[in-house]
Amino acid sequence: MQALFHTKTAMSKATTHQNFKKPVLRRGCQGEDVIELQKLLAHWGNYAGSLNGFFDTSVEEAVIAFQHRVFLKEDGIVEQLTWLALYTGAPSSMPLLKRGSRGQNVVRLQEVLKASKVYSARIDGIFGSITEESVKAFQKRRGLVPDGIVGSYTWLALSKVPH
């Protein structure tokens, strides 16, 4: 099989085209776009089925697993944010988090930090000093600048932690 695509090329195409438009796909769809989806899911290790162009339950399960990995809504529907993440292999819409941040994204962060064994405090959705120190430890372990701020590179590294 020919190389599917090069991540750098796909990323630059996906992020530099303001009108990045792909069709919304869900279970029951079929055709060339579904084959492209199956190839992307296979490329990222989420799909081992046949490249047959049918969006069945196995494709839907693979989409949900991929969406989970990149912190997207886990609904099995492939819309623009999911397409973008599939092309780049990275979370596509995560906010910058730092000390003082609060909410569901901080909960996600704390859960993944706990899974990576650098965070052992209560998951409370509050980015305080313990979360900041855990982020720094995680960043250092992954070869990132340990600044305690969760930006795109840290989200990418977090997406690679089984969670």
C-alpha atoms as a PDB file:
ATOM      1  CA  MET A   1       0.000   0.000   0.000  1.00  0.00           C
ATOM      2  CA  GLN A   2       1.289   3.449  -0.844  1.00  0.00           C
ATOM      3  CA  ALA A   3       2.093   5.848   1.947  1.00  0.00           C
ATOM      4  CA  LEU A   4      -1.141   7.429   3.063  1.00  0.00           C
ATOM      5  CA  PHE A   5       0.181  10.913   3.656  1.00  0.00           C
ATOM      6  CA  HIS A   6       2.852  12.738   5.446  1.00  0.00           C
ATOM      7  CA  THR A   7       1.792  14.226   8.752  1.00  0.00           C
ATOM      8  CA  LYS A   8       3.652  17.487   8.201  1.00  0.00           C
ATOM      9  CA  THR A   9       2.158  17.960   4.755  1.00  0.00           C
ATOM     10  CA  ALA A  10      -1.322  17.034   5.925  1.00  0.00           C
ATOM     11  CA  MET A  11      -1.011  19.323   8.921  1.00  0.00           C
ATOM     12  CA  SER A  12       0.101  22.296   6.857  1.00  0.00           C
ATOM     13  CA  LYS A  13      -2.671  21.676   4.322  1.00  0.00           C
ATOM     14  CA  ALA A  14      -5.298  21.269   7.021  1.00  0.00           C
ATOM     15  CA  THR A  15      -4.271  24.257   9.091  1.00  0.00           C
ATOM     16  CA  THR A  16      -3.416  26.722   6.325  1.00  0.00           C
ATOM     17  CA  HIS A  17      -6.606  26.281   4.348  1.00  0.00           C
ATOM     18  CA  GLN A  18      -9.190  28.498   5.973  1.00  0.00           C
ATOM     19  CA  ASN A  19     -11.918  26.693   4.058  1.00  0.00           C
ATOM     20  CA  PHE A  20     -10.943  23.208   5.197  1.00  0.00           C
ATOM     21  CA  LYS A  21     -14.151  21.365   4.357  1.00  0.00           C
ATOM     22  CA  LYS A  22     -14.805  17.672   4.558  1.00  0.00           C
ATOM     23  CA  PRO A  23     -18.162  15.916   4.583  1.00  0.00           C
ATOM     24  CA  VAL A  24     -19.792  14.949   7.858  1.00  0.00           C
ATOM     25  CA  LEU A  25     -19.679  11.160   8.127  1.00  0.00           C
ATOM     26  CA  ARG A  26     -21.562   8.808  10.430  1.00  0.00           C
ATOM     27  CA  ARG A  27     -22.623   5.187  10.593  1.00  0.00           C
ATOM     28  CA  GLY A  28     -24.446   4.275   7.373  1.00  0.00           C
ATOM     29  CA  CYS A  29     -22.350   6.478   5.074  1.00  0.00           C
ATOM     30  CA  GLN A  30     -20.369   4.907   2.273  1.00  0.00           C
ATOM     31  CA  GLY A  31     -17.994   5.820  -0.509  1.00  0.00           C
ATOM     32  CA  GLU A  32     -14.563   7.288  -1.154  1.00  0.00           C
ATOM     33  CA  ASP A  33     -14.704   9.641   1.834  1.00  0.00           C
ATOM     34  CA  VAL A  34     -15.284   6.666   4.128  1.00  0.00           C
ATOM     35  CA  ILE A  35     -12.283   4.888   2.584  1.00  0.00           C
ATOM     36  CA  GLU A  36     -10.213   7.997   3.319  1.00  0.00           C
ATOM     37  CA  LEU A  37     -11.531   7.929   6.890  1.00  0.00           C
ATOM     38  CA  GLN A  38     -10.689   4.229   7.244  1.00  0.00           C
ATOM     39  CA  LYS A  39      -7.145   4.880   5.973  1.00  0.00           C
ATOM     40  CA  LEU A  40      -6.668   7.746   8.438  1.00  0.00           C
ATOM     41  CA  LEU A  41      -7.992   5.688  11.346  1.00  0.00           C
ATOM     42  CA  ALA A  42      -5.712   2.797  10.325  1.00  0.00           C
ATOM     43  CA  HIS A  43      -2.758   5.167  10.062  1.00  0.00           C
ATOM     44  CA  TRP A  44      -3.284   6.266  13.674  1.00  0.00           C
ATOM     45  CA  GLY A  45      -3.724   2.680  14.871  1.00  0.00           C
ATOM     46  CA  ASN A  46      -7.441   2.879  15.602  1.00  0.00           C
ATOM     47  CA  TYR A  47      -8.778   0.700  12.779  1.00  0.00           C
ATOM     48  CA  ALA A  48      -7.681  -2.686  11.480  1.00  0.00           C
ATOM     49  CA  GLY A  49     -10.722  -3.533   9.339  1.00  0.00           C
ATOM     50  CA  SER A  50     -11.020  -3.613   5.591  1.00  0.00           C
ATOM     51  CA  LEU A  51     -10.871  -0.440   3.523  1.00  0.00           C
ATOM     52  CA  ASN A  52     -14.271  -1.084   1.982  1.00  0.00           C
ATOM     53  CA  GLY A  53     -15.924   2.328   2.135  1.00  0.00           C
ATOM     54  CA  PHE A  54     -18.684   1.282   4.553  1.00  0.00           C
ATOM     55  CA  PHE A  55     -19.094   3.237   7.781  1.00  0.00           C
ATOM     56  CA  ASP A  56     -20.296   0.391   9.981  1.00  0.00           C
ATOM     57  CA  THR A  57     -20.159  -0.152  13.741  1.00  0.00           C
ATOM     58  CA  SER A  58     -16.473  -1.113  13.637  1.00  0.00           C
ATOM     59  CA  VAL A  59     -15.629   2.207  11.962  1.00  0.00           C
ATOM     60  CA  GLU A  60     -17.843   4.044  14.435  1.00  0.00           C
ATOM     61  CA  GLU A  61     -16.044   2.377  17.363  1.00  0.00           C
ATOM     62  CA  ALA A  62     -12.687   3.339  15.840  1.00  0.00           C
ATOM     63  CA  VAL A  63     -13.852   6.951  15.431  1.00  0.00           C
ATOM     64  CA  ILE A  64     -15.007   7.070  19.062  1.00  0.00           C
ATOM     65  CA  ALA A  65     -11.674   5.657  20.260  1.00  0.00           C
ATOM     66  CA  PHE A  66      -9.792   8.234  18.175  1.00  0.00           C
ATOM     67  CA  GLN A  67     -12.027  11.065  19.420  1.00  0.00           C
ATOM     68  CA  HIS A  68     -11.338   9.958  22.990  1.00  0.00           C
ATOM     69  CA  ARG A  69      -7.599   9.999  22.374  1.00  0.00           C
ATOM     70  CA  VAL A  70      -7.652  13.563  21.030  1.00  0.00           C
ATOM     71  CA  PHE A  71     -10.129  14.917  23.598  1.00  0.00           C
ATOM     72  CA  LEU A  72     -13.055  15.445  21.222  1.00  0.00           C
ATOM     73  CA  LYS A  73     -16.731  14.730  21.827  1.00  0.00           C
ATOM     74  CA  GLU A  74     -17.014  10.942  21.609  1.00  0.00           C
ATOM     75  CA  ASP A  75     -20.052  10.616  19.376  1.00  0.00           C
ATOM     76  CA  GLY A  76     -18.707   8.612  16.416  1.00  0.00           C
ATOM     77  CA  ILE A  77     -19.618  11.416  14.014  1.00  0.00           C
ATOM     78  CA  VAL A  78     -16.782  12.691  11.851  1.00  0.00           C
ATOM     79  CA  GLU A  79     -17.160  16.445  11.526  1.00  0.00           C
ATOM     80  CA  GLN A  80     -14.574  19.168  10.845  1.00  0.00           C
ATOM     81  CA  LEU A  81     -12.719  18.991  14.189  1.00  0.00           C
ATOM     82  CA  THR A  82     -12.438  15.213  13.916  1.00  0.00           C
ATOM     83  CA  TRP A  83     -11.197  15.473  10.314  1.00  0.00           C
ATOM     84  CA  LEU A  84      -8.597  18.039  11.348  1.00  0.00           C
ATOM     85  CA  ALA A  85      -7.411  15.821  14.198  1.00  0.00           C
ATOM     86  CA  LEU A  86      -7.284  12.834  11.830  1.00  0.00           C
ATOM     87  CA  TYR A  87      -5.051  14.753   9.415  1.00  0.00           C
ATOM     88  CA  THR A  88      -2.710  16.027  12.104  1.00  0.00           C
ATOM     89  CA  GLY A  89      -2.860  13.210  14.646  1.00  0.00           C
ATOM     90  CA  ALA A  90      -3.240  15.849  17.335  1.00  0.00           C
ATOM     91  CA  PRO A  91      -5.946  17.442  19.424  1.00  0.00           C
ATOM     92  CA  SER A  92      -7.416  20.206  17.300  1.00  0.00           C
ATOM     93  CA  SER A  93      -9.418  22.412  19.613  1.00  0.00           C
ATOM     94  CA  MET A  94      -8.001  22.286  23.102  1.00  0.00           C
ATOM     95  CA  PRO A  95      -7.603  25.539  25.038  1.00  0.00           C
ATOM     96  CA  LEU A  96      -4.475  26.872  26.663  1.00  0.00           C
ATOM     97  CA  LEU A  97      -4.567  25.872  30.331  1.00  0.00           C
ATOM     98  CA  LYS A  98      -2.510  27.318  33.159  1.00  0.00           C
ATOM     99  CA  ARG A  99      -2.718  28.000  36.870  1.00  0.00           C
ATOM    100  CA  GLY A 100      -6.122  29.494  37.595  1.00  0.00           C
ATOM    101  CA  SER A 101      -7.917  27.618  34.784  1.00  0.00           C
ATOM    102  CA  ARG A 102     -11.028  25.692  35.776  1.00  0.00           C
ATOM    103  CA  GLY A 103     -13.549  23.358  34.247  1.00  0.00           C
ATOM    104  CA  GLN A 104     -14.002  20.165  32.280  1.00  0.00           C
ATOM    105  CA  ASN A 105     -10.763  20.550  30.309  1.00  0.00           C
ATOM    106  CA  VAL A 106      -8.825  20.731  33.574  1.00  0.00           C
ATOM    107  CA  VAL A 107     -10.624  17.560  34.678  1.00  0.00           C
ATOM    108  CA  ARG A 108      -9.465  15.877  31.435  1.00  0.00           C
ATOM    109  CA  LEU A 109      -5.946  17.148  32.042  1.00  0.00           C
ATOM    110  CA  GLN A 110      -5.895  15.845  35.614  1.00  0.00           C
ATOM    111  CA  GLU A 111      -7.251  12.452  34.524  1.00  0.00           C
ATOM    112  CA  VAL A 112      -4.513  12.022  31.919  1.00  0.00           C
ATOM    113  CA  LEU A 113      -1.837  13.261  34.299  1.00  0.00           C
ATOM    114  CA  LYS A 114      -3.095  10.696  36.812  1.00  0.00           C
ATOM    115  CA  ALA A 115      -2.943   7.986  34.116  1.00  0.00           C
ATOM    116  CA  SER A 116       0.659   9.002  33.408  1.00  0.00           C
ATOM    117  CA  LYS A 117       1.423   8.717  37.144  1.00  0.00           C
ATOM    118  CA  VAL A 118       2.550  12.312  37.701  1.00  0.00           C
ATOM    119  CA  TYR A 119      -0.627  13.437  39.487  1.00  0.00           C
ATOM    120  CA  SER A 120      -2.083  11.829  42.574  1.00  0.00           C
ATOM    121  CA  ALA A 121      -4.313  14.549  44.015  1.00  0.00           C
ATOM    122  CA  ARG A 122      -8.088  14.725  43.772  1.00  0.00           C
ATOM    123  CA  ILE A 123      -9.527  15.397  40.319  1.00  0.00           C
ATOM    124  CA  ASP A 124     -11.371  18.633  40.934  1.00  0.00           C
ATOM    125  CA  GLY A 125     -11.178  20.671  37.713  1.00  0.00           C
ATOM    126  CA  ILE A 126      -9.070  23.376  39.374  1.00  0.00           C
ATOM    127  CA  PHE A 127      -5.631  24.104  37.921  1.00  0.00           C
ATOM    128  CA  GLY A 128      -3.737  24.921  41.108  1.00  0.00           C
ATOM    129  CA  SER A 129      -0.155  24.491  42.232  1.00  0.00           C
ATOM    130  CA  ILE A 130      -0.320  20.683  42.411  1.00  0.00           C
ATOM    131  CA  THR A 131      -1.657  20.447  38.860  1.00  0.00           C
ATOM    132  CA  GLU A 132       0.972  22.926  37.693  1.00  0.00           C
ATOM    133  CA  GLU A 133       3.805  20.910  39.252  1.00  0.00           C
ATOM    134  CA  SER A 134       2.370  17.727  37.728  1.00  0.00           C
ATOM    135  CA  VAL A 135       2.237  19.372  34.296  1.00  0.00           C
ATOM    136  CA  LYS A 136       5.870  20.456  34.678  1.00  0.00           C
ATOM    137  CA  ALA A 137       6.888  16.907  35.633  1.00  0.00           C
ATOM    138  CA  PHE A 138       4.981  15.507  32.657  1.00  0.00           C
ATOM    139  CA  GLN A 139       6.517  18.054  30.283  1.00  0.00           C
ATOM    140  CA  LYS A 140      10.014  17.335  31.546  1.00  0.00           C
ATOM    141  CA  ARG A 141       9.469  13.581  31.151  1.00  0.00           C
ATOM    142  CA  ARG A 142       8.314  14.139  27.540  1.00  0.00           C
ATOM    143  CA  GLY A 143      11.191  16.449  26.598  1.00  0.00           C
ATOM    144  CA  LEU A 144       9.046  19.578  26.500  1.00  0.00           C
ATOM    145  CA  VAL A 145       9.796  22.937  28.071  1.00  0.00           C
ATOM    146  CA  PRO A 146       8.590  22.453  31.663  1.00  0.00           C
ATOM    147  CA  ASP A 147       6.669  25.720  31.974  1.00  0.00           C
ATOM    148  CA  GLY A 148       3.503  24.318  33.561  1.00  0.00           C
ATOM    149  CA  ILE A 149       1.343  25.721  30.752  1.00  0.00           C
ATOM    150  CA  VAL A 150      -0.707  23.282  28.684  1.00  0.00           C
ATOM    151  CA  GLY A 151      -0.542  24.379  25.055  1.00  0.00           C
ATOM    152  CA  SER A 152      -0.663  22.479  21.774  1.00  0.00           C
ATOM    153  CA  TYR A 153       2.589  20.527  22.261  1.00  0.00           C
ATOM    154  CA  THR A 154       1.597  19.421  25.740  1.00  0.00           C
ATOM    155  CA  TRP A 155      -1.908  18.454  24.540  1.00  0.00           C
ATOM    156  CA  LEU A 156      -0.280  16.407  21.765  1.00  0.00           C
ATOM    157  CA  ALA A 157       1.950  14.611  24.290  1.00  0.00           C
ATOM    158  CA  LEU A 158      -1.060  14.053  26.588  1.00  0.00           C
ATOM    159  CA  SER A 159      -3.027  12.546  23.693  1.00  0.00           C
ATOM    160  CA  LYS A 160      -0.424   9.798  23.444  1.00  0.00           C
ATOM    161  CA  VAL A 161      -0.985   8.673  27.033  1.00  0.00           C
ATOM    162  CA  PRO A 162      -3.434   5.744  27.195  1.00  0.00           C
ATOM    163  CA  HIS A 163      -6.459   7.117  28.980  1.00  0.00           C
END
